[in-house]
Amino acid sequence: MSGGPERPLAEVRFLTVAEVASLMRVSKMTVYRLVHAGELPAVRVGRSFRVPEQAVHDYLRTSYIEAG
């Protein structure tokens, strides 16, 4: 996740794959691919995944490129 100080687990907000997909404007399959490729950290809860909200913001920040 972020390079800063670790937040207490009680303060970490987790998002579902569907919420991440909606936030990033991509399909759920794209989010699953990012998780399975290790590009987006996630926690497995039963048969589903939860992604820390900060990890999504970090991913988007580091993936941003200047166009043209």
N, C-alpha and C. Protein backbone atom coordinates (compact mmCIF):
# COMPACT_ATOMS: atom_id res chain seq x y z
N MET A 1 0.83 -1.18 0.00
CA MET A 1 0.00 0.00 0.00
C MET A 1 0.88 1.24 0.00
N SER A 2 0.49 2.27 0.74
CA SER A 2 1.26 3.51 0.69
C SER A 2 2.54 3.38 1.48
N GLY A 3 3.49 4.24 1.17
CA GLY A 3 4.78 4.21 1.83
C GLY A 3 4.78 4.90 3.18
N GLY A 4 3.66 5.53 3.55
CA GLY A 4 3.56 6.25 4.81
C GLY A 4 3.34 5.32 5.98
N PRO A 5 3.04 5.91 7.14
CA PRO A 5 2.81 5.08 8.33
C PRO A 5 1.57 4.21 8.15
N GLU A 6 1.64 3.02 8.72
CA GLU A 6 0.51 2.09 8.63
C GLU A 6 -0.66 2.62 9.44
N ARG A 7 -1.86 2.50 8.89
CA ARG A 7 -3.06 2.92 9.59
C ARG A 7 -3.57 1.75 10.42
N PRO A 8 -4.18 2.03 11.58
CA PRO A 8 -4.78 0.93 12.35
C PRO A 8 -5.83 0.22 11.50
N LEU A 9 -5.89 -1.09 11.62
CA LEU A 9 -6.80 -1.89 10.79
C LEU A 9 -8.25 -1.43 10.92
N ALA A 10 -8.63 -0.95 12.10
CA ALA A 10 -10.01 -0.48 12.29
C ALA A 10 -10.33 0.74 11.43
N GLU A 11 -9.29 1.46 11.00
CA GLU A 11 -9.50 2.67 10.19
C GLU A 11 -9.42 2.40 8.69
N VAL A 12 -9.01 1.19 8.31
CA VAL A 12 -8.89 0.86 6.89
C VAL A 12 -10.27 0.59 6.33
N ARG A 13 -10.60 1.25 5.23
CA ARG A 13 -11.90 1.04 4.57
C ARG A 13 -11.68 0.09 3.39
N PHE A 14 -12.42 -1.00 3.41
CA PHE A 14 -12.31 -1.99 2.34
C PHE A 14 -13.46 -1.84 1.35
N LEU A 15 -13.14 -2.04 0.07
CA LEU A 15 -14.13 -1.96 -1.00
C LEU A 15 -14.31 -3.32 -1.64
N THR A 16 -15.51 -3.58 -2.13
CA THR A 16 -15.75 -4.80 -2.89
C THR A 16 -15.18 -4.62 -4.29
N VAL A 17 -15.06 -5.73 -5.01
CA VAL A 17 -14.58 -5.67 -6.39
C VAL A 17 -15.52 -4.80 -7.23
N ALA A 18 -16.81 -4.92 -7.01
CA ALA A 18 -17.78 -4.12 -7.76
C ALA A 18 -17.60 -2.63 -7.46
N GLU A 19 -17.33 -2.27 -6.20
CA GLU A 19 -17.11 -0.87 -5.85
C GLU A 19 -15.83 -0.33 -6.48
N VAL A 20 -14.77 -1.15 -6.49
CA VAL A 20 -13.52 -0.75 -7.13
C VAL A 20 -13.74 -0.54 -8.62
N ALA A 21 -14.44 -1.47 -9.25
CA ALA A 21 -14.72 -1.37 -10.69
C ALA A 21 -15.49 -0.09 -11.00
N SER A 22 -16.47 0.23 -10.18
CA SER A 22 -17.26 1.44 -10.38
C SER A 22 -16.40 2.69 -10.19
N LEU A 23 -15.57 2.69 -9.16
CA LEU A 23 -14.70 3.83 -8.87
C LEU A 23 -13.71 4.06 -10.00
N MET A 24 -13.16 2.97 -10.56
CA MET A 24 -12.15 3.07 -11.62
C MET A 24 -12.76 3.13 -13.01
N ARG A 25 -14.07 2.94 -13.10
CA ARG A 25 -14.79 2.92 -14.39
C ARG A 25 -14.26 1.81 -15.31
N VAL A 26 -14.08 0.62 -14.74
CA VAL A 26 -13.65 -0.56 -15.49
C VAL A 26 -14.58 -1.71 -15.12
N SER A 27 -14.40 -2.85 -15.80
CA SER A 27 -15.23 -4.01 -15.49
C SER A 27 -14.69 -4.72 -14.25
N LYS A 28 -15.55 -5.55 -13.63
CA LYS A 28 -15.11 -6.33 -12.49
C LYS A 28 -13.98 -7.28 -12.89
N MET A 29 -14.03 -7.81 -14.12
CA MET A 29 -12.99 -8.72 -14.58
C MET A 29 -11.63 -8.02 -14.60
N THR A 30 -11.60 -6.75 -14.97
CA THR A 30 -10.35 -5.99 -14.96
C THR A 30 -9.80 -5.89 -13.54
N VAL A 31 -10.66 -5.67 -12.58
CA VAL A 31 -10.23 -5.60 -11.17
C VAL A 31 -9.68 -6.95 -10.74
N TYR A 32 -10.38 -8.04 -11.09
CA TYR A 32 -9.88 -9.38 -10.74
C TYR A 32 -8.51 -9.62 -11.36
N ARG A 33 -8.32 -9.19 -12.60
CA ARG A 33 -7.01 -9.36 -13.25
C ARG A 33 -5.92 -8.60 -12.49
N LEU A 34 -6.21 -7.38 -12.07
CA LEU A 34 -5.24 -6.58 -11.32
C LEU A 34 -4.90 -7.25 -9.98
N VAL A 35 -5.91 -7.80 -9.32
CA VAL A 35 -5.70 -8.48 -8.04
C VAL A 35 -4.85 -9.73 -8.24
N HIS A 36 -5.22 -10.56 -9.21
CA HIS A 36 -4.49 -11.81 -9.44
C HIS A 36 -3.08 -11.57 -9.95
N ALA A 37 -2.84 -10.46 -10.64
CA ALA A 37 -1.50 -10.12 -11.13
C ALA A 37 -0.64 -9.50 -10.03
N GLY A 38 -1.25 -9.20 -8.89
CA GLY A 38 -0.49 -8.60 -7.80
C GLY A 38 -0.32 -7.10 -7.92
N GLU A 39 -0.99 -6.49 -8.88
CA GLU A 39 -0.88 -5.04 -9.07
C GLU A 39 -1.76 -4.27 -8.10
N LEU A 40 -2.80 -4.92 -7.60
CA LEU A 40 -3.72 -4.29 -6.66
C LEU A 40 -3.87 -5.23 -5.47
N PRO A 41 -3.40 -4.81 -4.29
CA PRO A 41 -3.48 -5.70 -3.13
C PRO A 41 -4.93 -5.92 -2.71
N ALA A 42 -5.21 -7.11 -2.23
CA ALA A 42 -6.57 -7.45 -1.78
C ALA A 42 -6.50 -8.50 -0.68
N VAL A 43 -7.57 -8.56 0.08
CA VAL A 43 -7.72 -9.56 1.13
C VAL A 43 -8.84 -10.49 0.71
N ARG A 44 -8.60 -11.77 0.83
CA ARG A 44 -9.65 -12.74 0.48
C ARG A 44 -10.51 -12.98 1.71
N VAL A 45 -11.82 -12.81 1.53
CA VAL A 45 -12.80 -13.05 2.59
C VAL A 45 -13.76 -14.10 2.05
N GLY A 46 -13.60 -15.32 2.51
CA GLY A 46 -14.41 -16.41 1.95
C GLY A 46 -14.05 -16.59 0.49
N ARG A 47 -15.04 -16.46 -0.38
CA ARG A 47 -14.80 -16.61 -1.82
C ARG A 47 -14.69 -15.27 -2.53
N SER A 48 -14.73 -14.17 -1.78
CA SER A 48 -14.67 -12.85 -2.41
C SER A 48 -13.43 -12.10 -1.96
N PHE A 49 -13.16 -10.99 -2.63
CA PHE A 49 -12.01 -10.15 -2.31
C PHE A 49 -12.48 -8.81 -1.79
N ARG A 50 -11.66 -8.24 -0.91
CA ARG A 50 -11.86 -6.87 -0.45
C ARG A 50 -10.56 -6.13 -0.69
N VAL A 51 -10.68 -4.93 -1.24
CA VAL A 51 -9.51 -4.13 -1.60
C VAL A 51 -9.47 -2.90 -0.71
N PRO A 52 -8.33 -2.65 -0.05
CA PRO A 52 -8.24 -1.42 0.76
C PRO A 52 -8.42 -0.19 -0.13
N GLU A 53 -9.26 0.73 0.30
CA GLU A 53 -9.56 1.93 -0.49
C GLU A 53 -8.28 2.70 -0.84
N GLN A 54 -7.36 2.81 0.11
CA GLN A 54 -6.12 3.54 -0.13
C GLN A 54 -5.31 2.88 -1.23
N ALA A 55 -5.36 1.55 -1.34
CA ALA A 55 -4.62 0.83 -2.38
C ALA A 55 -5.13 1.22 -3.77
N VAL A 56 -6.43 1.45 -3.88
CA VAL A 56 -7.01 1.87 -5.17
C VAL A 56 -6.48 3.25 -5.52
N HIS A 57 -6.48 4.17 -4.56
CA HIS A 57 -5.99 5.53 -4.81
C HIS A 57 -4.50 5.51 -5.15
N ASP A 58 -3.73 4.68 -4.42
CA ASP A 58 -2.29 4.57 -4.71
C ASP A 58 -2.07 4.02 -6.11
N TYR A 59 -2.83 3.00 -6.49
CA TYR A 59 -2.68 2.41 -7.82
C TYR A 59 -2.96 3.44 -8.91
N LEU A 60 -4.05 4.19 -8.75
CA LEU A 60 -4.41 5.20 -9.74
C LEU A 60 -3.36 6.30 -9.81
N ARG A 61 -2.82 6.70 -8.67
CA ARG A 61 -1.81 7.76 -8.64
C ARG A 61 -0.54 7.31 -9.37
N THR A 62 -0.10 6.08 -9.12
CA THR A 62 1.14 5.60 -9.74
C THR A 62 0.94 5.21 -11.20
N SER A 63 -0.30 4.97 -11.61
CA SER A 63 -0.57 4.56 -12.98
C SER A 63 -0.86 5.74 -13.90
N TYR A 64 -0.99 6.91 -13.33
CA TYR A 64 -1.33 8.11 -14.11
C TYR A 64 -0.20 8.47 -15.04
N ILE A 65 -0.52 8.73 -16.31
CA ILE A 65 0.49 9.17 -17.28
C ILE A 65 0.03 10.45 -17.95
N GLU A 66 0.97 11.25 -18.35
CA GLU A 66 0.66 12.47 -19.10
C GLU A 66 0.45 12.10 -20.56
N ALA A 67 -0.65 12.53 -21.13
CA ALA A 67 -0.93 12.26 -22.55
C ALA A 67 -0.51 13.43 -23.39
N GLY A 68 0.11 13.14 -24.54
CA GLY A 68 0.47 14.15 -25.53
C GLY A 68 1.45 15.12 -25.03
